[in-house]
């Protein structure tokens, strides 16, 4: 299905223009998707790191709680 439209006095094939735009949009979307993938992975890594830190702090806190109870 070809759509003809007028631009600056000349007639262009609307489908070719639409396809060209979609290729550009696909390229932009692919780039965005890659960036989102990187961000999502880094979010997972950050969550993993937060969990590790929390566990370390809990272990340190438990150690000092035991020590303070034993000292009294």
PDB file of N, CA and C in Angstrom:
ATOM      1  N   UNK A   1       0.844  -1.178   0.000  1.00  0.00           N
ATOM      2  CA  UNK A   1       0.000   0.000   0.000  1.00  0.00           C
ATOM      3  C   UNK A   1       0.886   1.237   0.000  1.00  0.00           C
ATOM      4  N   UNK A   2       0.886   1.953  -1.090  1.00  0.00           N
ATOM      5  CA  UNK A   2       1.715   3.144  -1.210  1.00  0.00           C
ATOM      6  C   UNK A   2       0.850   4.381  -1.037  1.00  0.00           C
ATOM      7  N   UNK A   3       1.359   5.291  -0.244  1.00  0.00           N
ATOM      8  CA  UNK A   3       0.637   6.527   0.027  1.00  0.00           C
ATOM      9  C   UNK A   3       1.443   7.667  -0.570  1.00  0.00           C
ATOM     10  N   UNK A   4       0.819   8.437  -1.430  1.00  0.00           N
ATOM     11  CA  UNK A   4       1.503   9.585  -2.025  1.00  0.00           C
ATOM     12  C   UNK A   4       1.141  10.822  -1.220  1.00  0.00           C
ATOM     13  N   UNK A   5       2.138  11.659  -0.981  1.00  0.00           N
ATOM     14  CA  UNK A   5       1.861  12.911  -0.301  1.00  0.00           C
ATOM     15  C   UNK A   5       2.773  13.988  -0.847  1.00  0.00           C
ATOM     16  N   UNK A   6       2.391  15.214  -0.654  1.00  0.00           N
ATOM     17  CA  UNK A   6       3.093  16.339  -1.251  1.00  0.00           C
ATOM     18  C   UNK A   6       3.969  16.999  -0.181  1.00  0.00           C
ATOM     19  N   UNK A   7       5.242  17.228  -0.567  1.00  0.00           N
ATOM     20  CA  UNK A   7       6.165  17.876   0.355  1.00  0.00           C
ATOM     21  C   UNK A   7       7.010  18.861  -0.443  1.00  0.00           C
ATOM     22  N   UNK A   8       6.957  20.123  -0.091  1.00  0.00           N
ATOM     23  CA  UNK A   8       7.710  21.176  -0.787  1.00  0.00           C
ATOM     24  C   UNK A   8       7.456  21.149  -2.295  1.00  0.00           C
ATOM     25  N   UNK A   9       6.239  20.934  -2.687  1.00  0.00           N
ATOM     26  CA  UNK A   9       5.884  20.961  -4.094  1.00  0.00           C
ATOM     27  C   UNK A   9       6.197  19.681  -4.845  1.00  0.00           C
ATOM     28  N   UNK A  10       6.903  18.742  -4.244  1.00  0.00           N
ATOM     29  CA  UNK A  10       7.226  17.490  -4.917  1.00  0.00           C
ATOM     30  C   UNK A  10       6.435  16.356  -4.308  1.00  0.00           C
ATOM     31  N   UNK A  11       6.187  15.324  -5.090  1.00  0.00           N
ATOM     32  CA  UNK A  11       5.447  14.171  -4.592  1.00  0.00           C
ATOM     33  C   UNK A  11       6.450  13.102  -4.195  1.00  0.00           C
ATOM     34  N   UNK A  12       6.352  12.601  -2.984  1.00  0.00           N
ATOM     35  CA  UNK A  12       7.249  11.547  -2.502  1.00  0.00           C
ATOM     36  C   UNK A  12       6.434  10.311  -2.171  1.00  0.00           C
ATOM     37  N   UNK A  13       7.098   9.210  -2.156  1.00  0.00           N
ATOM     38  CA  UNK A  13       6.430   7.978  -1.758  1.00  0.00           C
ATOM     39  C   UNK A  13       6.396   7.955  -0.234  1.00  0.00           C
ATOM     40  N   UNK A  14       5.225   8.035   0.336  1.00  0.00           N
ATOM     41  CA  UNK A  14       5.080   8.085   1.789  1.00  0.00           C
ATOM     42  C   UNK A  14       5.580   6.840   2.484  1.00  0.00           C
ATOM     43  N   UNK A  15       5.444   5.679   1.858  1.00  0.00           N
ATOM     44  CA  UNK A  15       5.889   4.429   2.487  1.00  0.00           C
ATOM     45  C   UNK A  15       7.405   4.396   2.620  1.00  0.00           C
ATOM     46  N   UNK A  16       8.133   4.889   1.598  1.00  0.00           N
ATOM     47  CA  UNK A  16       9.590   4.919   1.695  1.00  0.00           C
ATOM     48  C   UNK A  16      10.012   5.804   2.852  1.00  0.00           C
ATOM     49  N   UNK A  17       9.380   6.967   2.965  1.00  0.00           N
ATOM     50  CA  UNK A  17       9.691   7.885   4.066  1.00  0.00           C
ATOM     51  C   UNK A  17       9.377   7.221   5.404  1.00  0.00           C
ATOM     52  N   UNK A  18       8.230   6.559   5.464  1.00  0.00           N
ATOM     53  CA  UNK A  18       7.825   5.881   6.696  1.00  0.00           C
ATOM     54  C   UNK A  18       8.822   4.781   7.057  1.00  0.00           C
ATOM     55  N   UNK A  19       9.262   4.009   6.048  1.00  0.00           N
ATOM     56  CA  UNK A  19      10.237   2.951   6.306  1.00  0.00           C
ATOM     57  C   UNK A  19      11.564   3.525   6.771  1.00  0.00           C
ATOM     58  N   UNK A  20      11.999   4.633   6.168  1.00  0.00           N
ATOM     59  CA  UNK A  20      13.256   5.247   6.573  1.00  0.00           C
ATOM     60  C   UNK A  20      13.163   5.705   8.026  1.00  0.00           C
ATOM     61  N   UNK A  21      12.049   6.320   8.373  1.00  0.00           N
ATOM     62  CA  UNK A  21      11.864   6.763   9.752  1.00  0.00           C
ATOM     63  C   UNK A  21      11.816   5.564  10.694  1.00  0.00           C
ATOM     64  N   UNK A  22      11.146   4.498  10.271  1.00  0.00           N
ATOM     65  CA  UNK A  22      11.066   3.356  11.173  1.00  0.00           C
ATOM     66  C   UNK A  22      12.434   2.728  11.381  1.00  0.00           C
ATOM     67  N   UNK A  23      13.283   2.736  10.336  1.00  0.00           N
ATOM     68  CA  UNK A  23      14.632   2.192  10.514  1.00  0.00           C
ATOM     69  C   UNK A  23      15.405   3.030  11.527  1.00  0.00           C
ATOM     70  N   UNK A  24      15.278   4.368  11.411  1.00  0.00           N
ATOM     71  CA  UNK A  24      15.944   5.250  12.374  1.00  0.00           C
ATOM     72  C   UNK A  24      15.383   5.015  13.775  1.00  0.00           C
ATOM     73  N   UNK A  25      14.059   4.910  13.859  1.00  0.00           N
ATOM     74  CA  UNK A  25      13.436   4.671  15.158  1.00  0.00           C
ATOM     75  C   UNK A  25      13.870   3.330  15.726  1.00  0.00           C
ATOM     76  N   UNK A  26      13.954   2.310  14.858  1.00  0.00           N
ATOM     77  CA  UNK A  26      14.405   0.996  15.324  1.00  0.00           C
ATOM     78  C   UNK A  26      15.822   1.086  15.867  1.00  0.00           C
ATOM     79  N   UNK A  27      16.681   1.842  15.175  1.00  0.00           N
ATOM     80  CA  UNK A  27      18.065   1.997  15.638  1.00  0.00           C
ATOM     81  C   UNK A  27      18.087   2.701  16.992  1.00  0.00           C
ATOM     82  N   UNK A  28      17.276   3.764  17.129  1.00  0.00           N
ATOM     83  CA  UNK A  28      17.225   4.482  18.415  1.00  0.00           C
ATOM     84  C   UNK A  28      16.673   3.582  19.515  1.00  0.00           C
ATOM     85  N   UNK A  29      15.616   2.840  19.186  1.00  0.00           N
ATOM     86  CA  UNK A  29      15.016   1.951  20.181  1.00  0.00           C
ATOM     87  C   UNK A  29      15.984   0.863  20.593  1.00  0.00           C
ATOM     88  N   UNK A  30      16.755   0.338  19.632  1.00  0.00           N
ATOM     89  CA  UNK A  30      17.737  -0.703  19.953  1.00  0.00           C
ATOM     90  C   UNK A  30      18.794  -0.133  20.896  1.00  0.00           C
ATOM     91  N   UNK A  31      19.226   1.106  20.611  1.00  0.00           N
ATOM     92  CA  UNK A  31      20.223   1.751  21.466  1.00  0.00           C
ATOM     93  C   UNK A  31      19.650   1.965  22.865  1.00  0.00           C
ATOM     94  N   UNK A  32      18.392   2.441  22.930  1.00  0.00           N
ATOM     95  CA  UNK A  32      17.731   2.641  24.223  1.00  0.00           C
ATOM     96  C   UNK A  32      17.639   1.328  24.983  1.00  0.00           C
ATOM     97  N   UNK A  33      17.263   0.274  24.258  1.00  0.00           N
ATOM     98  CA  UNK A  33      17.103  -1.037  24.883  1.00  0.00           C
ATOM     99  C   UNK A  33      18.429  -1.500  25.472  1.00  0.00           C
ATOM    100  N   UNK A  34      19.521  -1.261  24.739  1.00  0.00           N
ATOM    101  CA  UNK A  34      20.845  -1.622  25.237  1.00  0.00           C
ATOM    102  C   UNK A  34      21.183  -0.862  26.506  1.00  0.00           C
ATOM    103  N   UNK A  35      20.863   0.433  26.525  1.00  0.00           N
ATOM    104  CA  UNK A  35      21.137   1.244  27.710  1.00  0.00           C
ATOM    105  C   UNK A  35      20.279   0.773  28.883  1.00  0.00           C
ATOM    106  N   UNK A  36      19.003   0.466  28.615  1.00  0.00           N
ATOM    107  CA  UNK A  36      18.130  -0.023  29.679  1.00  0.00           C
ATOM    108  C   UNK A  36      18.636  -1.348  30.217  1.00  0.00           C
ATOM    109  N   UNK A  37      19.140  -2.198  29.330  1.00  0.00           N
ATOM    110  CA  UNK A  37      19.680  -3.494  29.743  1.00  0.00           C
ATOM    111  C   UNK A  37      20.873  -3.284  30.674  1.00  0.00           C
ATOM    112  N   UNK A  38      21.772  -2.337  30.293  1.00  0.00           N
ATOM    113  CA  UNK A  38      22.921  -2.046  31.143  1.00  0.00           C
ATOM    114  C   UNK A  38      22.455  -1.519  32.496  1.00  0.00           C
ATOM    115  N   UNK A  39      21.472  -0.610  32.485  1.00  0.00           N
ATOM    116  CA  UNK A  39      20.970  -0.057  33.741  1.00  0.00           C
ATOM    117  C   UNK A  39      20.324  -1.137  34.593  1.00  0.00           C
ATOM    118  N   UNK A  40      19.574  -2.025  33.953  1.00  0.00           N
ATOM    119  CA  UNK A  40      18.903  -3.091  34.691  1.00  0.00           C
ATOM    120  C   UNK A  40      19.943  -4.002  35.323  1.00  0.00           C
ATOM    121  N   UNK A  41      20.992  -4.342  34.576  1.00  0.00           N
ATOM    122  CA  UNK A  41      22.043  -5.195  35.123  1.00  0.00           C
ATOM    123  C   UNK A  41      22.734  -4.498  36.282  1.00  0.00           C
ATOM    124  N   UNK A  42      23.012  -3.209  36.124  1.00  0.00           N
ATOM    125  CA  UNK A  42      23.673  -2.514  37.213  1.00  0.00           C
ATOM    126  C   UNK A  42      22.737  -2.404  38.419  1.00  0.00           C
ATOM    127  N   UNK A  43      21.427  -2.317  38.183  1.00  0.00           N
ATOM    128  CA  UNK A  43      20.472  -2.316  39.299  1.00  0.00           C
ATOM    129  C   UNK A  43      20.548  -3.642  40.043  1.00  0.00           C
ATOM    130  N   UNK A  44      20.634  -4.747  39.298  1.00  0.00           N
ATOM    131  CA  UNK A  44      20.751  -6.055  39.940  1.00  0.00           C
ATOM    132  C   UNK A  44      22.037  -6.125  40.745  1.00  0.00           C
ATOM    133  N   UNK A  45      23.121  -5.629  40.168  1.00  0.00           N
ATOM    134  CA  UNK A  45      24.396  -5.642  40.876  1.00  0.00           C
ATOM    135  C   UNK A  45      24.313  -4.792  42.136  1.00  0.00           C
ATOM    136  N   UNK A  46      23.673  -3.616  42.024  1.00  0.00           N
ATOM    137  CA  UNK A  46      23.544  -2.746  43.199  1.00  0.00           C
ATOM    138  C   UNK A  46      22.714  -3.426  44.280  1.00  0.00           C
ATOM    139  N   UNK A  47      21.647  -4.102  43.890  1.00  0.00           N
ATOM    140  CA  UNK A  47      20.811  -4.812  44.864  1.00  0.00           C
ATOM    141  C   UNK A  47      21.618  -5.912  45.542  1.00  0.00           C
ATOM    142  N   UNK A  48      22.402  -6.644  44.746  1.00  0.00           N
ATOM    143  CA  UNK A  48      23.246  -7.699  45.303  1.00  0.00           C
ATOM    144  C   UNK A  48      24.247  -7.119  46.301  1.00  0.00           C
ATOM    145  N   UNK A  49      24.856  -5.997  45.927  1.00  0.00           N
ATOM    146  CA  UNK A  49      25.833  -5.362  46.811  1.00  0.00           C
ATOM    147  C   UNK A  49      25.181  -4.863  48.092  1.00  0.00           C
ATOM    148  N   UNK A  50      23.967  -4.285  47.972  1.00  0.00           N
ATOM    149  CA  UNK A  50      23.266  -3.824  49.178  1.00  0.00           C
ATOM    150  C   UNK A  50      22.978  -4.990  50.106  1.00  0.00           C
ATOM    151  N   UNK A  51      22.566  -6.114  49.528  1.00  0.00           N
ATOM    152  CA  UNK A  51      22.254  -7.297  50.324  1.00  0.00           C
ATOM    153  C   UNK A  51      23.508  -7.789  51.048  1.00  0.00           C
ATOM    154  N   UNK A  52      24.641  -7.805  50.342  1.00  0.00           N
ATOM    155  CA  UNK A  52      25.901  -8.239  50.956  1.00  0.00           C
ATOM    156  C   UNK A  52      26.284  -7.320  52.103  1.00  0.00           C
ATOM    157  N   UNK A  53      26.203  -6.010  51.869  1.00  0.00           N
ATOM    158  CA  UNK A  53      26.564  -5.040  52.913  1.00  0.00           C
ATOM    159  C   UNK A  53      25.652  -5.199  54.121  1.00  0.00           C
ATOM    160  N   UNK A  54      24.355  -5.351  53.883  1.00  0.00           N
ATOM    161  CA  UNK A  54      23.403  -5.508  54.979  1.00  0.00           C
ATOM    162  C   UNK A  54      23.766  -6.731  55.809  1.00  0.00           C
ATOM    163  N   UNK A  55      24.088  -7.824  55.125  1.00  0.00           N
ATOM    164  CA  UNK A  55      24.441  -9.051  55.827  1.00  0.00           C
ATOM    165  C   UNK A  55      25.715  -8.852  56.647  1.00  0.00           C
ATOM    166  N   UNK A  56      26.710  -8.169  56.058  1.00  0.00           N
ATOM    167  CA  UNK A  56      27.950  -7.898  56.787  1.00  0.00           C
ATOM    168  C   UNK A  56      27.664  -7.082  58.043  1.00  0.00           C
ATOM    169  N   UNK A  57      26.843  -6.027  57.915  1.00  0.00           N
ATOM    170  CA  UNK A  57      26.534  -5.194  59.071  1.00  0.00           C
ATOM    171  C   UNK A  57      25.765  -5.973  60.134  1.00  0.00           C
ATOM    172  N   UNK A  58      24.849  -6.836  59.699  1.00  0.00           N
ATOM    173  CA  UNK A  58      24.111  -7.654  60.662  1.00  0.00           C
ATOM    174  C   UNK A  58      25.063  -8.577  61.415  1.00  0.00           C
ATOM    175  N   UNK A  59      26.016  -9.185  60.687  1.00  0.00           N
ATOM    176  CA  UNK A  59      26.981 -10.071  61.338  1.00  0.00           C
ATOM    177  C   UNK A  59      27.850  -9.298  62.319  1.00  0.00           C
ATOM    178  N   UNK A  60      28.281  -8.102  61.934  1.00  0.00           N
ATOM    179  CA  UNK A  60      29.099  -7.279  62.832  1.00  0.00           C
ATOM    180  C   UNK A  60      28.286  -6.897  64.061  1.00  0.00           C
ATOM    181  N   UNK A  61      27.027  -6.509  63.851  1.00  0.00           N
ATOM    182  CA  UNK A  61      26.164  -6.141  64.971  1.00  0.00           C
ATOM    183  C   UNK A  61      25.947  -7.312  65.916  1.00  0.00           C
ATOM    184  N   UNK A  62      25.723  -8.507  65.360  1.00  0.00           N
ATOM    185  CA  UNK A  62      25.545  -9.698  66.198  1.00  0.00           C
ATOM    186  C   UNK A  62      26.814  -9.986  66.992  1.00  0.00           C
ATOM    187  N   UNK A  63      27.962  -9.815  66.362  1.00  0.00           N
ATOM    188  CA  UNK A  63      29.239 -10.051  67.040  1.00  0.00           C
ATOM    189  C   UNK A  63      29.371  -9.131  68.247  1.00  0.00           C
ATOM    190  N   UNK A  64      29.092  -7.841  68.051  1.00  0.00           N
ATOM    191  CA  UNK A  64      29.235  -6.897  69.157  1.00  0.00           C
ATOM    192  C   UNK A  64      28.171  -7.111  70.221  1.00  0.00           C
ATOM    193  N   UNK A  65      26.973  -7.556  69.832  1.00  0.00           N
ATOM    194  CA  UNK A  65      25.935  -7.855  70.823  1.00  0.00           C
ATOM    195  C   UNK A  65      26.384  -9.019  71.702  1.00  0.00           C
ATOM    196  N   UNK A  66      26.921 -10.069  71.078  1.00  0.00           N
ATOM    197  CA  UNK A  66      27.412 -11.215  71.858  1.00  0.00           C
ATOM    198  C   UNK A  66      28.547 -10.786  72.774  1.00  0.00           C
ATOM    199  N   UNK A  67      29.436  -9.975  72.251  1.00  0.00           N
ATOM    200  CA  UNK A  67      30.581  -9.525  73.041  1.00  0.00           C
ATOM    201  C   UNK A  67      30.132  -8.707  74.238  1.00  0.00           C
ATOM    202  N   UNK A  68      29.155  -7.828  74.034  1.00  0.00           N
ATOM    203  CA  UNK A  68      28.707  -6.982  75.138  1.00  0.00           C
ATOM    204  C   UNK A  68      27.982  -7.828  76.191  1.00  0.00           C
ATOM    205  N   UNK A  69      27.253  -8.857  75.774  1.00  0.00           N
ATOM    206  CA  UNK A  69      26.573  -9.727  76.733  1.00  0.00           C
ATOM    207  C   UNK A  69      27.580 -10.546  77.519  1.00  0.00           C
ATOM    208  N   UNK A  70      28.619 -11.032  76.846  1.00  0.00           N
ATOM    209  CA  UNK A  70      29.633 -11.832  77.525  1.00  0.00           C
ATOM    210  C   UNK A  70      30.446 -10.984  78.486  1.00  0.00           C
ATOM    211  N   UNK A  71      30.660  -9.722  78.157  1.00  0.00           N
ATOM    212  CA  UNK A  71      31.456  -8.831  79.000  1.00  0.00           C
ATOM    213  C   UNK A  71      30.723  -8.451  80.277  1.00  0.00           C
ATOM    214  N   UNK A  72      29.402  -8.462  80.298  1.00  0.00           N
ATOM    215  CA  UNK A  72      28.628  -8.043  81.478  1.00  0.00           C
ATOM    216  C   UNK A  72      28.470  -9.111  82.468  1.00  0.00           C
TER     217      UNK A  72
END
